[in-house]
Amino acid sequence: MATDYVLVVHGVKHRRADEFNRMVEALLQRVGQTIGLNGRTIKPIPIFWGDLNVQPQATLRQGLEASPQWRKLWMTDFRVSEVIEFAGDAALYLSRHVGAQVVQRFQQMALPALQSAQPDDRLHLVTHSLGSVILFDLLFAARWDDPSLDNDASTRQTRQIVKQLRNALFGLGQTPGQGLPIASVHTLGSPIALFSLLSVTGDSTHDLTKDLRSLLQTLYHQRGKKSLPWYNYMHPGDPLAYPLQGLMPHLMGNAQLYVHLKDVITEHRGLPITVGRLPLLWGGDAHGSYWKSDTVVKTLADALR
């Protein structure tokens, strides 16, 4: 029986692997119930990395709170529970030590499944929040192609793992005509639009365009000249969710012909958002809402059919 692998990468504010795994299982169980019997098996590949940042961020908070001026600042709880969670996770991933550990998690949790895939199997990417940036960086960023990174043994090992991940996917790596093909992409509450600023002034080691364009073009022909579906889900109250449709010409150029990207609003109640309610929506309903969203379940089920 053919398998639909669903690679799920979480974003900020996930610190327990068991909770994340249960959340992924519940989401895909609902997807499976929506699809019904279709002759394919759904197999999740959850990538958990949130625990790597617990101790570094705890040390940072202790240092901030030790300042005699800390309690004079406004919204200290918001700074700790929201701003540090996001900015801290992003900074730690870009650091050499924690970034290498995140790459090792992909090696441990994803590579065995990806490398054992059969010809009729497919891969669906589901990424939340900063997880979108992390996965797209590993798969497409030019910085991993820099041979000067091999001068350091630890960095060389990390770069080799990234190569293995890319080689496991159809359309990437040294043998782009082999590997597991991506069948759909789902970005939940993604700040990828913000990170596109890294390459806005020209060439950048964090630029995703070249390899992403190559993947989309190769997949387009493998799929019988059908565009790859990419759904970008946004809750209106989620300050980390940004549209991508309007950025495609800038990011992809002609490669936008090879992907059907659609921005999807997951909440239509039109509730007004005030500054006072923003921390509540971010920490509760908005940024974490995608895992239980009926819209996400339905759209993901349609992609897996």
Protein backbone atom coordinates (compact mmCIF):
# COMPACT_ATOMS: atom_id res chain seq x y z
CA MET A 1 0.00 0.00 0.00
CA ALA A 2 1.38 3.38 -1.01
CA THR A 3 2.22 5.84 1.76
CA ASP A 4 1.61 9.56 2.18
CA TYR A 5 4.38 10.78 4.48
CA VAL A 6 3.50 13.99 6.32
CA LEU A 7 6.59 15.81 7.57
CA VAL A 8 5.48 18.16 10.37
CA VAL A 9 7.80 20.81 11.83
CA HIS A 10 6.63 22.90 14.77
CA GLY A 11 7.39 26.53 15.47
CA VAL A 12 7.79 28.63 18.59
CA LYS A 13 6.37 27.86 22.04
CA HIS A 14 6.54 24.05 21.79
CA ARG A 15 8.67 22.62 24.58
CA ARG A 16 7.38 19.07 25.11
CA ALA A 17 7.75 16.33 22.52
CA ASP A 18 4.85 14.25 23.83
CA GLU A 19 2.40 17.14 23.55
CA PHE A 20 3.58 17.97 20.04
CA ASN A 21 3.33 14.34 18.90
CA ARG A 22 -0.21 14.03 20.28
CA MET A 23 -1.21 17.24 18.51
CA VAL A 24 0.15 15.96 15.18
CA GLU A 25 -1.54 12.60 15.68
CA ALA A 26 -4.89 14.24 16.44
CA LEU A 27 -4.65 16.48 13.35
CA LEU A 28 -3.81 13.62 10.99
CA GLN A 29 -6.45 11.38 12.55
CA ARG A 30 -9.07 13.98 11.62
CA VAL A 31 -7.55 14.24 8.14
CA GLY A 32 -7.73 10.47 7.73
CA GLN A 33 -11.37 10.40 8.86
CA THR A 34 -12.19 13.13 6.34
CA ILE A 35 -10.48 11.28 3.50
CA GLY A 36 -11.89 7.83 4.26
CA LEU A 37 -10.47 4.76 2.56
CA ASN A 38 -8.38 5.74 -0.48
CA GLY A 39 -5.86 2.92 -0.65
CA ARG A 40 -3.04 4.96 0.90
CA THR A 41 -1.49 5.01 4.37
CA ILE A 42 -0.83 8.28 6.20
CA LYS A 43 2.44 8.22 8.12
CA PRO A 44 3.46 11.25 10.19
CA ILE A 45 7.08 12.36 10.52
CA PRO A 46 7.00 14.84 13.43
CA ILE A 47 10.17 16.88 13.90
CA PHE A 48 10.52 18.16 17.47
CA TRP A 49 13.29 20.58 18.37
CA GLY A 50 11.75 22.97 20.96
CA ASP A 51 13.53 21.48 23.97
CA LEU A 52 16.91 22.54 22.61
CA ASN A 53 16.13 26.16 23.43
CA VAL A 54 14.84 25.75 26.98
CA GLN A 55 18.11 26.18 28.87
CA PRO A 56 19.60 28.99 26.73
CA GLN A 57 16.39 31.03 27.01
CA ALA A 58 16.13 30.37 30.76
CA THR A 59 19.66 31.75 31.16
CA LEU A 60 18.70 34.80 29.11
CA ARG A 61 15.60 35.46 31.22
CA GLN A 62 17.59 35.19 34.45
CA GLY A 63 20.05 37.74 33.18
CA LEU A 64 17.31 40.15 32.10
CA GLU A 65 15.41 39.85 35.36
CA ALA A 66 18.61 40.41 37.33
CA SER A 67 18.78 43.95 35.97
CA PRO A 68 17.52 46.54 38.48
CA GLN A 69 15.66 48.27 35.65
CA TRP A 70 13.78 45.19 34.39
CA ARG A 71 10.67 45.69 36.50
CA LYS A 72 10.38 49.28 35.32
CA LEU A 73 9.71 48.14 31.74
CA TRP A 74 6.19 47.68 30.45
CA MET A 75 4.75 44.30 29.45
CA THR A 76 7.53 42.22 30.96
CA ASP A 77 5.35 39.10 30.90
CA PHE A 78 4.68 39.64 27.19
CA ARG A 79 8.39 40.18 26.51
CA VAL A 80 9.27 36.88 28.21
CA SER A 81 6.41 34.68 27.02
CA GLU A 82 6.11 35.97 23.46
CA VAL A 83 8.94 38.16 22.13
CA ILE A 84 11.78 36.14 23.64
CA GLU A 85 10.10 32.89 22.59
CA PHE A 86 10.03 33.93 18.93
CA ALA A 87 13.17 36.05 18.60
CA GLY A 88 15.09 33.70 20.88
CA ASP A 89 14.13 30.59 18.91
CA ALA A 90 15.09 32.28 15.64
CA ALA A 91 18.44 33.50 16.98
CA LEU A 92 19.29 30.12 18.48
CA TYR A 93 18.55 28.28 15.24
CA LEU A 94 20.90 30.62 13.38
CA SER A 95 23.60 29.97 15.99
CA ARG A 96 26.10 27.26 15.11
CA HIS A 97 25.60 25.03 18.16
CA VAL A 98 21.80 24.90 18.42
CA GLY A 99 21.38 25.03 14.64
CA ALA A 100 23.54 21.90 14.35
CA GLN A 101 21.40 20.16 16.98
CA VAL A 102 18.23 21.00 15.05
CA VAL A 103 19.77 19.52 11.89
CA GLN A 104 20.61 16.36 13.86
CA ARG A 105 16.95 16.05 14.86
CA PHE A 106 16.01 15.98 11.18
CA GLN A 107 18.63 13.31 10.62
CA GLN A 108 17.24 11.17 13.46
CA MET A 109 13.50 11.70 12.87
CA ALA A 110 13.14 12.22 9.11
CA LEU A 111 15.99 10.59 7.18
CA PRO A 112 15.15 6.92 7.94
CA ALA A 113 11.59 7.35 6.64
CA LEU A 114 12.55 9.49 3.66
CA GLN A 115 15.30 7.13 2.54
CA SER A 116 13.07 4.04 2.82
CA ALA A 117 10.23 5.48 0.71
CA GLN A 118 8.89 3.46 -2.20
CA PRO A 119 8.28 4.69 -5.79
CA ASP A 120 4.54 5.35 -5.29
CA ASP A 121 4.97 7.15 -1.98
CA ARG A 122 4.51 10.91 -1.60
CA LEU A 123 5.61 13.59 0.84
CA HIS A 124 3.53 16.44 2.24
CA LEU A 125 5.22 19.28 4.13
CA VAL A 126 3.36 20.82 7.07
CA THR A 127 5.26 23.56 8.87
CA HIS A 128 4.14 25.89 11.63
CA SER A 129 5.53 29.32 12.46
CA LEU A 130 9.33 29.37 12.64
CA GLY A 131 9.31 25.72 11.56
CA SER A 132 8.57 26.97 8.03
CA VAL A 133 11.75 29.05 8.05
CA ILE A 134 13.83 26.20 9.48
CA LEU A 135 12.70 23.60 6.94
CA PHE A 136 12.96 25.93 3.96
CA ASP A 137 16.42 26.98 5.13
CA LEU A 138 17.60 23.36 5.33
CA LEU A 139 16.19 22.43 1.94
CA PHE A 140 16.87 25.55 -0.12
CA ALA A 141 19.23 28.08 1.49
CA ALA A 142 22.42 28.74 -0.45
CA ARG A 143 24.46 28.97 2.75
CA TRP A 144 24.69 25.17 2.97
CA ASP A 145 26.42 25.05 -0.42
CA ASP A 146 29.45 26.97 0.83
CA PRO A 147 32.49 24.60 0.82
CA SER A 148 34.34 26.86 3.26
CA LEU A 149 32.06 25.48 5.98
CA ASP A 150 34.01 22.22 5.75
CA ASN A 151 36.99 23.86 7.45
CA ASP A 152 35.31 23.17 10.80
CA ALA A 153 34.65 19.49 11.63
CA SER A 154 31.34 20.11 13.40
CA THR A 155 30.01 22.37 10.65
CA ARG A 156 31.20 19.90 8.02
CA GLN A 157 29.13 17.16 9.67
CA THR A 158 26.07 19.41 9.77
CA ARG A 159 26.52 20.26 6.11
CA GLN A 160 26.73 16.56 5.23
CA ILE A 161 23.41 15.89 7.00
CA VAL A 162 21.78 18.73 5.05
CA LYS A 163 23.09 17.13 1.84
CA GLN A 164 21.55 13.79 2.88
CA LEU A 165 18.18 15.45 3.50
CA ARG A 166 18.23 17.14 0.10
CA ASN A 167 19.34 13.97 -1.68
CA ALA A 168 16.37 12.09 -0.16
CA LEU A 169 13.87 14.36 -1.94
CA PHE A 170 12.99 14.30 -5.61
CA GLY A 171 14.16 17.45 -7.36
CA LEU A 172 16.95 18.29 -4.91
CA GLY A 173 20.48 17.17 -4.17
CA GLN A 174 23.07 15.64 -6.44
CA THR A 175 20.57 13.29 -8.15
CA PRO A 176 17.43 15.43 -8.59
CA GLY A 177 15.71 12.75 -10.69
CA GLN A 178 15.57 10.38 -7.72
CA GLY A 179 13.99 10.51 -4.28
CA LEU A 180 10.63 11.05 -2.62
CA PRO A 181 8.50 13.65 -4.45
CA ILE A 182 6.79 16.46 -2.55
CA ALA A 183 3.03 16.37 -3.26
CA SER A 184 1.88 19.45 -1.33
CA VAL A 185 3.14 22.20 0.98
CA HIS A 186 1.21 23.63 3.95
CA THR A 187 2.62 26.59 5.90
CA LEU A 188 0.71 27.48 9.07
CA GLY A 189 1.10 30.94 10.59
CA SER A 190 4.34 31.41 8.66
CA PRO A 191 6.74 34.40 8.85
CA ILE A 192 8.59 33.35 5.67
CA ALA A 193 7.60 36.67 4.10
CA LEU A 194 9.60 38.52 6.75
CA PHE A 195 12.68 36.37 6.25
CA SER A 196 12.62 37.14 2.53
CA LEU A 197 14.11 40.50 3.57
CA LEU A 198 17.43 38.69 4.07
CA SER A 199 17.91 38.62 0.30
CA VAL A 200 16.06 41.77 -0.69
CA THR A 201 19.28 43.68 -1.50
CA GLY A 202 20.74 40.98 -3.75
CA ASP A 203 22.57 37.68 -3.30
CA SER A 204 22.44 36.26 0.20
CA THR A 205 23.60 33.02 1.79
CA HIS A 206 20.07 32.75 3.21
CA ASP A 207 18.42 33.17 -0.20
CA LEU A 208 15.97 30.32 -0.92
CA THR A 209 15.13 31.26 -4.50
CA LYS A 210 17.60 29.28 -6.61
CA ASP A 211 17.10 25.78 -5.17
CA LEU A 212 13.39 26.28 -4.52
CA ARG A 213 12.90 27.33 -8.15
CA SER A 214 14.84 24.26 -9.31
CA LEU A 215 12.73 21.94 -7.13
CA LEU A 216 9.44 23.40 -8.35
CA GLN A 217 10.47 23.15 -11.99
CA THR A 218 11.60 19.52 -11.62
CA LEU A 219 8.42 18.57 -9.75
CA TYR A 220 6.30 20.33 -12.36
CA HIS A 221 7.54 17.99 -15.08
CA GLN A 222 7.44 14.93 -12.78
CA ARG A 223 3.79 15.71 -12.01
CA GLY A 224 2.85 15.83 -15.69
CA LYS A 225 3.11 19.62 -15.92
CA LYS A 226 0.82 20.14 -12.94
CA SER A 227 1.65 22.89 -10.46
CA LEU A 228 2.60 21.95 -6.91
CA PRO A 229 -0.18 22.97 -4.46
CA TRP A 230 1.03 25.23 -1.66
CA TYR A 231 -1.41 26.49 0.97
CA ASN A 232 -0.39 29.30 3.30
CA TYR A 233 -2.80 29.39 6.27
CA MET A 234 -3.35 32.60 8.22
CA HIS A 235 -5.47 33.40 11.26
CA PRO A 236 -6.38 37.12 11.06
CA GLY A 237 -5.26 37.61 14.67
CA ASP A 238 -1.90 35.89 14.28
CA PRO A 239 0.88 38.51 14.05
CA LEU A 240 3.36 35.93 12.73
CA ALA A 241 1.19 34.96 9.74
CA TYR A 242 1.83 36.86 6.51
CA PRO A 243 0.54 36.43 2.93
CA LEU A 244 2.80 34.89 0.31
CA GLN A 245 0.80 35.08 -2.94
CA GLY A 246 1.83 38.65 -3.70
CA LEU A 247 5.49 37.86 -3.01
CA MET A 248 5.77 34.98 -5.47
CA PRO A 249 6.82 37.11 -8.48
CA HIS A 250 9.57 38.67 -6.33
CA LEU A 251 10.75 35.41 -4.76
CA MET A 252 10.28 33.01 -7.63
CA GLY A 253 10.26 34.93 -10.89
CA ASN A 254 9.04 32.63 -13.68
CA ALA A 255 9.05 29.69 -11.26
CA GLN A 256 5.68 30.85 -9.95
CA LEU A 257 4.27 29.02 -12.97
CA TYR A 258 5.30 25.75 -11.35
CA VAL A 259 3.48 26.25 -8.05
CA HIS A 260 -0.14 27.01 -7.20
CA LEU A 261 0.18 29.05 -4.03
CA LYS A 262 -2.94 30.12 -2.20
CA ASP A 263 -3.24 32.20 0.96
CA VAL A 264 -5.97 30.68 3.12
CA ILE A 265 -7.75 32.55 5.94
CA THR A 266 -8.69 30.12 8.71
CA GLU A 267 -11.02 32.38 10.71
CA HIS A 268 -13.83 34.48 9.23
CA ARG A 269 -15.60 35.92 12.26
CA GLY A 270 -13.98 39.29 11.66
CA LEU A 271 -13.40 40.05 15.33
CA PRO A 272 -11.61 43.33 15.92
CA ILE A 273 -8.16 43.06 17.46
CA THR A 274 -6.98 45.70 19.90
CA VAL A 275 -3.52 46.18 21.31
CA GLY A 276 -4.74 44.96 24.67
CA ARG A 277 -5.96 41.67 23.22
CA LEU A 278 -2.93 40.98 21.06
CA PRO A 279 -0.92 38.96 23.63
CA LEU A 280 -3.98 36.80 24.34
CA LEU A 281 -4.58 36.03 20.68
CA TRP A 282 -0.92 35.37 20.00
CA GLY A 283 -0.39 33.09 22.96
CA GLY A 284 -3.74 31.34 22.71
CA ASP A 285 -6.31 31.32 19.95
CA ALA A 286 -4.49 32.75 16.95
CA HIS A 287 -0.98 31.39 16.64
CA GLY A 288 -1.81 27.94 17.99
CA SER A 289 -5.22 27.60 16.34
CA TYR A 290 -4.11 25.87 13.15
CA TRP A 291 -3.73 22.42 14.70
CA LYS A 292 -7.48 22.23 15.39
CA SER A 293 -8.69 24.29 12.43
CA ASP A 294 -11.46 22.75 10.31
CA THR A 295 -10.09 24.68 7.32
CA VAL A 296 -6.63 23.15 7.74
CA VAL A 297 -8.10 19.66 8.13
CA LYS A 298 -10.28 19.97 5.01
CA THR A 299 -7.58 21.49 2.81
CA LEU A 300 -4.96 19.01 3.94
CA ALA A 301 -7.37 16.13 3.36
CA ASP A 302 -8.08 17.37 -0.17
CA ALA A 303 -4.34 17.46 -0.88
CA LEU A 304 -3.86 13.90 0.40
CA ARG A 305 -6.74 12.39 -1.58
